[in-house]
Amino acid sequence: MIDFNFIEQCEGLHCQGYIPEHHHEAGVHIACGLDLSVYRKHDLLTHGLPEILVAKLSPYLGLKNHAAAEALRNKPLHISEKEAQLINQLFHHQVSSRLKRQWPKSYRTVPFENLPDACQTVVASVAHQYGNLSTRTPHFWHQCTTGDWHDVYNNLMHFGDHYPERRQREARLLSQCLDNQ
């Protein structure tokens, strides 16, 4: 089972809209890192977010780069902690659903649901930031889906992105599985 508490600890719970550093194509983010630039109003309503919350998020939907920064500057985004938790539930469901759909199409050696919790959590944590791992981080995805967990560990330790502390934290979590093998 994916430990979304681990991911939330990595991301933080943001009740104010923000644009992450190092993301040149990013939109406004909220809650546990939900990027509003990739959503439409219909998407959020379909996933069950209350209309009043969707109305708060709507001015930032689909906006990236300077447009997102300007929208946030002109109208700062603030939500309650309860609203942030609702958004997190949506986002967690999307990450796990995407992984469960994509995993069987890969080189997998074990069904995703049968992986140790730490392995599921590490894959989900990277997917939380990168989205489609098969296209955004294909080498990492291949290592995960072929069960090369020692290589995954080494990859995380030297991932080369702007989040070395997070990748190393994921590697430490993964090492719990490796120690038990």
N, C-alpha and C. Protein backbone atom coordinates (compact mmCIF):
# COMPACT_ATOMS: atom_id res chain seq x y z
N MET A 1 0.84 -1.17 0.00
CA MET A 1 0.00 0.00 0.00
C MET A 1 0.89 1.25 0.00
N ILE A 2 0.51 2.22 -0.80
CA ILE A 2 1.26 3.47 -0.87
C ILE A 2 1.08 4.24 0.43
N ASP A 3 2.18 4.71 0.98
CA ASP A 3 2.14 5.52 2.19
C ASP A 3 2.07 7.00 1.79
N PHE A 4 0.85 7.49 1.64
CA PHE A 4 0.68 8.88 1.22
C PHE A 4 1.10 9.86 2.31
N ASN A 5 1.17 9.42 3.55
CA ASN A 5 1.69 10.29 4.61
C ASN A 5 3.15 10.62 4.34
N PHE A 6 3.91 9.64 3.84
CA PHE A 6 5.31 9.88 3.48
C PHE A 6 5.39 10.97 2.40
N ILE A 7 4.54 10.84 1.38
CA ILE A 7 4.55 11.81 0.28
C ILE A 7 4.13 13.19 0.78
N GLU A 8 3.12 13.23 1.64
CA GLU A 8 2.69 14.51 2.19
C GLU A 8 3.79 15.15 3.02
N GLN A 9 4.58 14.34 3.73
CA GLN A 9 5.70 14.89 4.50
C GLN A 9 6.75 15.47 3.56
N CYS A 10 6.95 14.83 2.42
CA CYS A 10 7.91 15.34 1.43
C CYS A 10 7.41 16.64 0.81
N GLU A 11 6.13 16.68 0.49
CA GLU A 11 5.55 17.83 -0.21
C GLU A 11 5.18 18.97 0.72
N GLY A 12 4.68 18.62 1.89
CA GLY A 12 4.11 19.64 2.77
C GLY A 12 2.64 19.85 2.42
N LEU A 13 1.92 20.46 3.31
CA LEU A 13 0.51 20.75 3.09
C LEU A 13 0.39 22.26 2.93
N HIS A 14 0.15 22.70 1.72
CA HIS A 14 0.12 24.12 1.40
C HIS A 14 -1.31 24.61 1.26
N CYS A 15 -1.68 25.53 2.12
CA CYS A 15 -3.02 26.11 2.06
C CYS A 15 -3.00 27.44 1.31
N GLN A 16 -1.83 27.86 0.88
CA GLN A 16 -1.69 29.04 0.04
C GLN A 16 -1.09 28.61 -1.29
N GLY A 17 -1.63 29.14 -2.37
CA GLY A 17 -1.11 28.80 -3.69
C GLY A 17 0.34 29.24 -3.83
N TYR A 18 1.10 28.47 -4.59
CA TYR A 18 2.51 28.77 -4.80
C TYR A 18 2.94 28.21 -6.15
N ILE A 19 4.05 28.72 -6.64
CA ILE A 19 4.66 28.19 -7.85
C ILE A 19 6.02 27.64 -7.43
N PRO A 20 6.23 26.32 -7.61
CA PRO A 20 7.48 25.72 -7.14
C PRO A 20 8.71 26.26 -7.87
N GLU A 21 9.78 26.39 -7.13
CA GLU A 21 11.05 26.76 -7.75
C GLU A 21 11.49 25.64 -8.69
N HIS A 22 12.26 25.98 -9.67
CA HIS A 22 12.87 25.02 -10.58
C HIS A 22 11.88 24.39 -11.56
N HIS A 23 10.64 24.85 -11.57
CA HIS A 23 9.66 24.31 -12.53
C HIS A 23 9.34 25.42 -13.53
N HIS A 24 9.97 25.37 -14.67
CA HIS A 24 9.79 26.43 -15.65
C HIS A 24 8.43 26.36 -16.35
N GLU A 25 7.84 25.19 -16.36
CA GLU A 25 6.55 25.01 -17.02
C GLU A 25 5.42 24.84 -16.01
N ALA A 26 5.64 25.23 -14.77
CA ALA A 26 4.67 24.96 -13.72
C ALA A 26 3.56 25.99 -13.67
N GLY A 27 2.47 25.53 -13.11
CA GLY A 27 1.37 26.41 -12.80
C GLY A 27 1.31 26.62 -11.30
N VAL A 28 0.20 27.18 -10.85
CA VAL A 28 -0.02 27.36 -9.42
C VAL A 28 -0.24 25.99 -8.80
N HIS A 29 0.42 25.74 -7.68
CA HIS A 29 0.28 24.49 -6.93
C HIS A 29 -0.43 24.78 -5.61
N ILE A 30 -1.11 23.75 -5.10
CA ILE A 30 -1.84 23.89 -3.84
C ILE A 30 -1.87 22.53 -3.14
N ALA A 31 -2.14 22.55 -1.86
CA ALA A 31 -2.27 21.34 -1.05
C ALA A 31 -0.96 20.56 -1.07
N CYS A 32 -0.99 19.31 -1.46
CA CYS A 32 0.19 18.45 -1.47
C CYS A 32 0.83 18.45 -2.86
N GLY A 33 0.89 19.63 -3.49
CA GLY A 33 1.58 19.75 -4.76
C GLY A 33 0.73 19.60 -6.00
N LEU A 34 -0.59 19.77 -5.89
CA LEU A 34 -1.46 19.66 -7.06
C LEU A 34 -1.19 20.83 -8.00
N ASP A 35 -0.78 20.54 -9.23
CA ASP A 35 -0.49 21.55 -10.24
C ASP A 35 -1.79 21.88 -10.97
N LEU A 36 -2.31 23.06 -10.72
CA LEU A 36 -3.60 23.46 -11.29
C LEU A 36 -3.53 23.73 -12.79
N SER A 37 -2.33 23.83 -13.34
CA SER A 37 -2.21 24.11 -14.78
C SER A 37 -2.68 22.95 -15.65
N VAL A 38 -2.76 21.75 -15.09
CA VAL A 38 -3.12 20.58 -15.90
C VAL A 38 -4.59 20.19 -15.74
N TYR A 39 -5.36 21.02 -15.07
CA TYR A 39 -6.77 20.69 -14.83
C TYR A 39 -7.70 21.72 -15.44
N ARG A 40 -8.91 21.23 -15.74
CA ARG A 40 -10.02 22.08 -16.14
C ARG A 40 -11.08 21.98 -15.05
N LYS A 41 -11.98 22.93 -15.04
CA LYS A 41 -13.05 22.94 -14.04
C LYS A 41 -13.81 21.62 -14.06
N HIS A 42 -14.13 21.15 -15.24
CA HIS A 42 -14.88 19.89 -15.39
C HIS A 42 -14.14 18.73 -14.72
N ASP A 43 -12.81 18.69 -14.88
CA ASP A 43 -12.01 17.61 -14.28
C ASP A 43 -12.20 17.56 -12.77
N LEU A 44 -12.10 18.71 -12.15
CA LEU A 44 -12.18 18.77 -10.69
C LEU A 44 -13.57 18.43 -10.19
N LEU A 45 -14.59 18.90 -10.90
CA LEU A 45 -15.96 18.57 -10.52
C LEU A 45 -16.23 17.08 -10.70
N THR A 46 -15.74 16.52 -11.80
CA THR A 46 -15.92 15.10 -12.07
C THR A 46 -15.29 14.24 -10.98
N HIS A 47 -14.18 14.71 -10.44
CA HIS A 47 -13.48 13.96 -9.39
C HIS A 47 -14.08 14.20 -8.01
N GLY A 48 -15.14 14.97 -7.96
CA GLY A 48 -15.88 15.10 -6.71
C GLY A 48 -15.51 16.25 -5.80
N LEU A 49 -14.71 17.19 -6.27
CA LEU A 49 -14.44 18.34 -5.42
C LEU A 49 -15.69 19.22 -5.36
N PRO A 50 -15.99 19.79 -4.20
CA PRO A 50 -17.16 20.65 -4.07
C PRO A 50 -17.07 21.88 -4.98
N GLU A 51 -18.22 22.31 -5.48
CA GLU A 51 -18.25 23.45 -6.41
C GLU A 51 -17.62 24.70 -5.81
N ILE A 52 -17.83 24.92 -4.53
CA ILE A 52 -17.28 26.12 -3.90
C ILE A 52 -15.74 26.09 -3.90
N LEU A 53 -15.16 24.91 -3.73
CA LEU A 53 -13.70 24.77 -3.78
C LEU A 53 -13.21 24.92 -5.21
N VAL A 54 -13.92 24.32 -6.15
CA VAL A 54 -13.55 24.44 -7.56
C VAL A 54 -13.58 25.90 -7.99
N ALA A 55 -14.55 26.66 -7.49
CA ALA A 55 -14.64 28.09 -7.82
C ALA A 55 -13.39 28.83 -7.32
N LYS A 56 -12.87 28.46 -6.15
CA LYS A 56 -11.65 29.09 -5.64
C LYS A 56 -10.44 28.77 -6.52
N LEU A 57 -10.42 27.55 -7.06
CA LEU A 57 -9.27 27.10 -7.85
C LEU A 57 -9.34 27.55 -9.31
N SER A 58 -10.54 27.84 -9.79
CA SER A 58 -10.76 28.10 -11.22
C SER A 58 -9.90 29.20 -11.83
N PRO A 59 -9.64 30.32 -11.14
CA PRO A 59 -8.83 31.37 -11.79
C PRO A 59 -7.41 30.92 -12.17
N TYR A 60 -6.96 29.78 -11.66
CA TYR A 60 -5.58 29.33 -11.88
C TYR A 60 -5.50 28.10 -12.79
N LEU A 61 -6.65 27.57 -13.15
CA LEU A 61 -6.68 26.35 -13.97
C LEU A 61 -6.13 26.63 -15.36
N GLY A 62 -5.24 25.75 -15.81
CA GLY A 62 -4.69 25.85 -17.16
C GLY A 62 -3.59 26.88 -17.34
N LEU A 63 -3.27 27.64 -16.31
CA LEU A 63 -2.26 28.70 -16.44
C LEU A 63 -0.88 28.18 -16.07
N LYS A 64 0.12 28.61 -16.87
CA LYS A 64 1.51 28.23 -16.61
C LYS A 64 2.39 29.47 -16.69
N ASN A 65 3.58 29.31 -16.20
CA ASN A 65 4.64 30.31 -16.31
C ASN A 65 4.20 31.67 -15.80
N HIS A 66 4.40 32.69 -16.65
CA HIS A 66 4.12 34.07 -16.25
C HIS A 66 2.64 34.31 -16.00
N ALA A 67 1.79 33.66 -16.78
CA ALA A 67 0.34 33.83 -16.58
C ALA A 67 -0.08 33.32 -15.21
N ALA A 68 0.49 32.19 -14.79
CA ALA A 68 0.18 31.64 -13.47
C ALA A 68 0.70 32.56 -12.37
N ALA A 69 1.91 33.05 -12.53
CA ALA A 69 2.50 33.94 -11.52
C ALA A 69 1.70 35.23 -11.42
N GLU A 70 1.28 35.75 -12.54
CA GLU A 70 0.49 36.99 -12.53
C GLU A 70 -0.87 36.78 -11.88
N ALA A 71 -1.53 35.67 -12.20
CA ALA A 71 -2.83 35.37 -11.59
C ALA A 71 -2.70 35.25 -10.08
N LEU A 72 -1.65 34.60 -9.63
CA LEU A 72 -1.42 34.42 -8.20
C LEU A 72 -1.10 35.75 -7.52
N ARG A 73 -0.34 36.58 -8.21
CA ARG A 73 0.01 37.89 -7.66
C ARG A 73 -1.24 38.78 -7.56
N ASN A 74 -2.09 38.72 -8.59
CA ASN A 74 -3.30 39.55 -8.61
C ASN A 74 -4.37 39.07 -7.63
N LYS A 75 -4.42 37.76 -7.42
CA LYS A 75 -5.43 37.19 -6.52
C LYS A 75 -4.81 35.99 -5.81
N PRO A 76 -4.17 36.21 -4.66
CA PRO A 76 -3.56 35.09 -3.93
C PRO A 76 -4.60 34.01 -3.60
N LEU A 77 -4.16 32.76 -3.70
CA LEU A 77 -5.03 31.62 -3.45
C LEU A 77 -4.86 31.13 -2.01
N HIS A 78 -5.96 31.08 -1.28
CA HIS A 78 -5.97 30.58 0.10
C HIS A 78 -7.10 29.58 0.24
N ILE A 79 -6.79 28.42 0.82
CA ILE A 79 -7.81 27.42 1.10
C ILE A 79 -7.64 26.95 2.55
N SER A 80 -8.66 26.29 3.06
CA SER A 80 -8.58 25.77 4.43
C SER A 80 -7.81 24.45 4.43
N GLU A 81 -7.42 24.02 5.62
CA GLU A 81 -6.73 22.74 5.74
C GLU A 81 -7.66 21.59 5.32
N LYS A 82 -8.94 21.71 5.65
CA LYS A 82 -9.92 20.69 5.25
C LYS A 82 -10.01 20.61 3.72
N GLU A 83 -10.01 21.76 3.06
CA GLU A 83 -10.06 21.78 1.59
C GLU A 83 -8.78 21.18 1.01
N ALA A 84 -7.65 21.46 1.65
CA ALA A 84 -6.38 20.88 1.19
C ALA A 84 -6.42 19.36 1.29
N GLN A 85 -7.00 18.85 2.36
CA GLN A 85 -7.11 17.39 2.51
C GLN A 85 -8.02 16.78 1.44
N LEU A 86 -9.09 17.47 1.08
CA LEU A 86 -9.96 16.99 -0.01
C LEU A 86 -9.19 16.91 -1.32
N ILE A 87 -8.40 17.95 -1.59
CA ILE A 87 -7.58 17.97 -2.81
C ILE A 87 -6.57 16.82 -2.77
N ASN A 88 -5.96 16.60 -1.62
CA ASN A 88 -4.98 15.52 -1.50
C ASN A 88 -5.61 14.16 -1.80
N GLN A 89 -6.82 13.94 -1.31
CA GLN A 89 -7.51 12.67 -1.58
C GLN A 89 -7.68 12.47 -3.09
N LEU A 90 -8.06 13.52 -3.79
CA LEU A 90 -8.19 13.45 -5.25
C LEU A 90 -6.85 13.12 -5.89
N PHE A 91 -5.82 13.84 -5.48
CA PHE A 91 -4.51 13.67 -6.10
C PHE A 91 -3.93 12.29 -5.80
N HIS A 92 -4.08 11.82 -4.58
CA HIS A 92 -3.59 10.50 -4.23
C HIS A 92 -4.28 9.43 -5.07
N HIS A 93 -5.57 9.57 -5.24
CA HIS A 93 -6.32 8.60 -6.05
C HIS A 93 -5.81 8.61 -7.49
N GLN A 94 -5.56 9.80 -8.03
CA GLN A 94 -5.08 9.89 -9.41
C GLN A 94 -3.70 9.25 -9.58
N VAL A 95 -2.80 9.52 -8.65
CA VAL A 95 -1.45 8.95 -8.75
C VAL A 95 -1.52 7.43 -8.69
N SER A 96 -2.25 6.89 -7.72
CA SER A 96 -2.32 5.43 -7.59
C SER A 96 -3.05 4.80 -8.77
N SER A 97 -4.10 5.44 -9.27
CA SER A 97 -4.82 4.89 -10.43
C SER A 97 -3.94 4.87 -11.67
N ARG A 98 -3.19 5.96 -11.89
CA ARG A 98 -2.30 6.01 -13.06
C ARG A 98 -1.25 4.92 -12.98
N LEU A 99 -0.65 4.74 -11.81
CA LEU A 99 0.37 3.70 -11.65
C LEU A 99 -0.22 2.31 -11.88
N LYS A 100 -1.40 2.07 -11.36
CA LYS A 100 -2.02 0.75 -11.52
C LYS A 100 -2.43 0.48 -12.96
N ARG A 101 -2.72 1.55 -13.73
CA ARG A 101 -3.02 1.38 -15.16
C ARG A 101 -1.74 1.15 -15.97
N GLN A 102 -0.69 1.89 -15.65
CA GLN A 102 0.53 1.83 -16.45
C GLN A 102 1.40 0.63 -16.12
N TRP A 103 1.38 0.19 -14.88
CA TRP A 103 2.26 -0.89 -14.44
C TRP A 103 2.10 -2.15 -15.29
N PRO A 104 0.88 -2.64 -15.55
CA PRO A 104 0.73 -3.88 -16.33
C PRO A 104 1.23 -3.76 -17.78
N LYS A 105 1.36 -2.54 -18.28
CA LYS A 105 1.83 -2.32 -19.66
C LYS A 105 3.36 -2.31 -19.73
N SER A 106 4.00 -2.44 -18.60
CA SER A 106 5.45 -2.31 -18.53
C SER A 106 6.12 -3.68 -18.50
N TYR A 107 7.36 -3.67 -18.10
CA TYR A 107 8.16 -4.90 -18.03
C TYR A 107 8.04 -5.57 -16.68
N ARG A 108 7.01 -5.24 -15.94
CA ARG A 108 6.87 -5.62 -14.54
C ARG A 108 7.17 -7.09 -14.29
N THR A 109 7.75 -7.33 -13.16
CA THR A 109 8.01 -8.70 -12.73
C THR A 109 7.00 -9.12 -11.67
N VAL A 110 6.39 -8.15 -11.01
CA VAL A 110 5.43 -8.39 -9.93
C VAL A 110 4.30 -7.37 -10.09
N PRO A 111 3.05 -7.76 -9.88
CA PRO A 111 1.97 -6.77 -9.91
C PRO A 111 2.23 -5.64 -8.90
N PHE A 112 1.87 -4.44 -9.28
CA PHE A 112 2.13 -3.27 -8.43
C PHE A 112 1.61 -3.49 -7.01
N GLU A 113 0.41 -4.02 -6.90
CA GLU A 113 -0.22 -4.21 -5.59
C GLU A 113 0.54 -5.21 -4.72
N ASN A 114 1.36 -6.05 -5.33
CA ASN A 114 2.12 -7.06 -4.58
C ASN A 114 3.52 -6.59 -4.18
N LEU A 115 3.90 -5.40 -4.60
CA LEU A 115 5.20 -4.85 -4.20
C LEU A 115 5.17 -4.52 -2.71
N PRO A 116 6.32 -4.57 -2.06
CA PRO A 116 6.38 -4.09 -0.67
C PRO A 116 5.91 -2.63 -0.60
N ASP A 117 5.34 -2.26 0.52
CA ASP A 117 4.81 -0.90 0.68
C ASP A 117 5.85 0.17 0.37
N ALA A 118 7.08 -0.03 0.81
CA ALA A 118 8.12 0.97 0.57
C ALA A 118 8.38 1.15 -0.93
N CYS A 119 8.37 0.07 -1.68
CA CYS A 119 8.57 0.16 -3.14
C CYS A 119 7.42 0.91 -3.79
N GLN A 120 6.19 0.57 -3.42
CA GLN A 120 5.02 1.28 -3.95
C GLN A 120 5.11 2.77 -3.63
N THR A 121 5.50 3.07 -2.41
CA THR A 121 5.55 4.47 -1.97
C THR A 121 6.62 5.25 -2.72
N VAL A 122 7.78 4.66 -2.93
CA VAL A 122 8.85 5.34 -3.66
C VAL A 122 8.42 5.63 -5.09
N VAL A 123 7.85 4.65 -5.76
CA VAL A 123 7.38 4.85 -7.13
C VAL A 123 6.32 5.95 -7.16
N ALA A 124 5.38 5.91 -6.24
CA ALA A 124 4.32 6.91 -6.19
C ALA A 124 4.86 8.30 -5.87
N SER A 125 5.86 8.38 -5.01
CA SER A 125 6.44 9.67 -4.66
C SER A 125 7.09 10.34 -5.87
N VAL A 126 7.84 9.57 -6.63
CA VAL A 126 8.45 10.13 -7.84
C VAL A 126 7.36 10.47 -8.86
N ALA A 127 6.35 9.61 -8.99
CA ALA A 127 5.24 9.88 -9.91
C ALA A 127 4.47 11.12 -9.48
N HIS A 128 4.40 11.38 -8.21
CA HIS A 128 3.72 12.55 -7.69
C HIS A 128 4.35 13.82 -8.26
N GLN A 129 5.66 13.83 -8.40
CA GLN A 129 6.34 15.00 -8.94
C GLN A 129 6.45 14.99 -10.46
N TYR A 130 6.63 13.82 -11.05
CA TYR A 130 6.95 13.75 -12.47
C TYR A 130 5.79 13.33 -13.36
N GLY A 131 4.71 12.84 -12.78
CA GLY A 131 3.58 12.41 -13.61
C GLY A 131 3.87 11.06 -14.24
N ASN A 132 3.77 11.00 -15.55
CA ASN A 132 3.95 9.76 -16.29
C ASN A 132 5.42 9.36 -16.28
N LEU A 133 5.75 8.39 -15.45
CA LEU A 133 7.16 8.00 -15.29
C LEU A 133 7.73 7.34 -16.53
N SER A 134 6.90 6.65 -17.29
CA SER A 134 7.41 5.95 -18.48
C SER A 134 7.93 6.94 -19.52
N THR A 135 7.41 8.16 -19.54
CA THR A 135 7.89 9.15 -20.50
C THR A 135 8.80 10.20 -19.86
N ARG A 136 8.55 10.55 -18.60
CA ARG A 136 9.32 11.60 -17.95
C ARG A 136 10.62 11.11 -17.33
N THR A 137 10.62 9.87 -16.83
CA THR A 137 11.82 9.28 -16.22
C THR A 137 11.90 7.81 -16.65
N PRO A 138 12.08 7.57 -17.95
CA PRO A 138 11.99 6.19 -18.46
C PRO A 138 13.02 5.23 -17.86
N HIS A 139 14.21 5.69 -17.57
CA HIS A 139 15.23 4.81 -16.98
C HIS A 139 14.79 4.36 -15.59
N PHE A 140 14.34 5.31 -14.77
CA PHE A 140 13.84 5.00 -13.44
C PHE A 140 12.64 4.05 -13.54
N TRP A 141 11.72 4.33 -14.44
CA TRP A 141 10.53 3.49 -14.63
C TRP A 141 10.93 2.06 -14.99
N HIS A 142 11.86 1.93 -15.90
CA HIS A 142 12.32 0.60 -16.32
C HIS A 142 12.93 -0.16 -15.14
N GLN A 143 13.74 0.53 -14.36
CA GLN A 143 14.34 -0.12 -13.18
C GLN A 143 13.26 -0.61 -12.22
N CYS A 144 12.26 0.22 -11.98
CA CYS A 144 11.18 -0.16 -11.05
C CYS A 144 10.38 -1.33 -11.59
N THR A 145 9.98 -1.24 -12.85
CA THR A 145 9.08 -2.25 -13.39
C THR A 145 9.77 -3.58 -13.66
N THR A 146 11.09 -3.58 -13.72
CA THR A 146 11.81 -4.84 -13.87
C THR A 146 12.32 -5.37 -12.53
N GLY A 147 12.02 -4.64 -11.47
CA GLY A 147 12.39 -5.11 -10.13
C GLY A 147 13.85 -4.93 -9.78
N ASP A 148 14.53 -4.02 -10.46
CA ASP A 148 15.94 -3.75 -10.17
C ASP A 148 16.04 -2.73 -9.03
N TRP A 149 15.63 -3.12 -7.84
CA TRP A 149 15.50 -2.19 -6.72
C TRP A 149 16.83 -1.66 -6.23
N HIS A 150 17.91 -2.41 -6.36
CA HIS A 150 19.23 -1.88 -5.99
C HIS A 150 19.62 -0.77 -6.95
N ASP A 151 19.30 -0.95 -8.24
CA ASP A 151 19.57 0.11 -9.21
C ASP A 151 18.67 1.32 -8.97
N VAL A 152 17.42 1.07 -8.58
CA VAL A 152 16.51 2.17 -8.23
C VAL A 152 17.12 2.97 -7.08
N TYR A 153 17.61 2.28 -6.07
CA TYR A 153 18.23 2.94 -4.92
C TYR A 153 19.40 3.83 -5.40
N ASN A 154 20.29 3.26 -6.20
CA ASN A 154 21.44 4.03 -6.69
C ASN A 154 21.00 5.20 -7.55
N ASN A 155 19.98 5.00 -8.36
CA ASN A 155 19.44 6.06 -9.20
C ASN A 155 18.92 7.20 -8.32
N LEU A 156 18.15 6.86 -7.30
CA LEU A 156 17.61 7.89 -6.41
C LEU A 156 18.72 8.67 -5.71
N MET A 157 19.78 8.00 -5.34
CA MET A 157 20.89 8.66 -4.65
C MET A 157 21.63 9.64 -5.57
N HIS A 158 21.50 9.45 -6.89
CA HIS A 158 22.20 10.31 -7.87
C HIS A 158 21.23 10.72 -8.98
N PHE A 159 20.03 11.08 -8.62
CA PHE A 159 18.96 11.31 -9.60
C PHE A 159 19.25 12.50 -10.50
N GLY A 160 19.87 13.53 -9.95
CA GLY A 160 20.26 14.68 -10.76
C GLY A 160 19.17 15.70 -10.99
N ASP A 161 18.13 15.71 -10.16
CA ASP A 161 17.12 16.75 -10.30
C ASP A 161 17.33 17.81 -9.22
N HIS A 162 16.36 18.69 -9.08
CA HIS A 162 16.48 19.78 -8.11
C HIS A 162 16.03 19.38 -6.71
N TYR A 163 15.80 18.09 -6.49
CA TYR A 163 15.27 17.63 -5.21
C TYR A 163 16.11 16.49 -4.62
N PRO A 164 17.42 16.70 -4.45
CA PRO A 164 18.26 15.60 -3.97
C PRO A 164 17.87 15.11 -2.57
N GLU A 165 17.43 16.02 -1.70
CA GLU A 165 17.05 15.59 -0.35
C GLU A 165 15.85 14.65 -0.41
N ARG A 166 14.89 14.99 -1.26
CA ARG A 166 13.70 14.14 -1.38
C ARG A 166 14.08 12.78 -1.97
N ARG A 167 14.88 12.78 -3.04
CA ARG A 167 15.28 11.51 -3.65
C ARG A 167 16.05 10.65 -2.65
N GLN A 168 16.91 11.26 -1.84
CA GLN A 168 17.67 10.49 -0.85
C GLN A 168 16.75 9.97 0.26
N ARG A 169 15.74 10.74 0.60
CA ARG A 169 14.76 10.26 1.58
C ARG A 169 14.01 9.05 1.02
N GLU A 170 13.66 9.11 -0.25
CA GLU A 170 13.00 7.97 -0.90
C GLU A 170 13.94 6.76 -0.92
N ALA A 171 15.22 7.02 -1.20
CA ALA A 171 16.19 5.92 -1.21
C ALA A 171 16.31 5.27 0.17
N ARG A 172 16.30 6.09 1.21
CA ARG A 172 16.36 5.53 2.57
C ARG A 172 15.13 4.67 2.86
N LEU A 173 13.96 5.11 2.41
CA LEU A 173 12.75 4.30 2.59
C LEU A 173 12.89 2.98 1.83
N LEU A 174 13.37 3.06 0.60
CA LEU A 174 13.55 1.87 -0.22
C LEU A 174 14.55 0.91 0.41
N SER A 175 15.56 1.45 1.07
CA SER A 175 16.59 0.58 1.67
C SER A 175 16.00 -0.36 2.71
N GLN A 176 14.86 0.00 3.30
CA GLN A 176 14.19 -0.89 4.25
C GLN A 176 13.79 -2.19 3.57
N CYS A 177 13.35 -2.10 2.31
CA CYS A 177 13.00 -3.31 1.55
C CYS A 177 14.25 -4.09 1.18
N LEU A 178 15.28 -3.37 0.78
CA LEU A 178 16.50 -4.03 0.33
C LEU A 178 17.16 -4.77 1.48
N ASP A 179 17.07 -4.21 2.67
CA ASP A 179 17.65 -4.86 3.85
C ASP A 179 16.93 -6.16 4.19
N ASN A 180 15.66 -6.26 3.79
CA ASN A 180 14.86 -7.45 4.10
C ASN A 180 14.93 -8.52 3.02
N GLN A 181 15.65 -8.24 1.93
CA GLN A 181 15.72 -9.21 0.83
C GLN A 181 16.84 -10.19 1.03
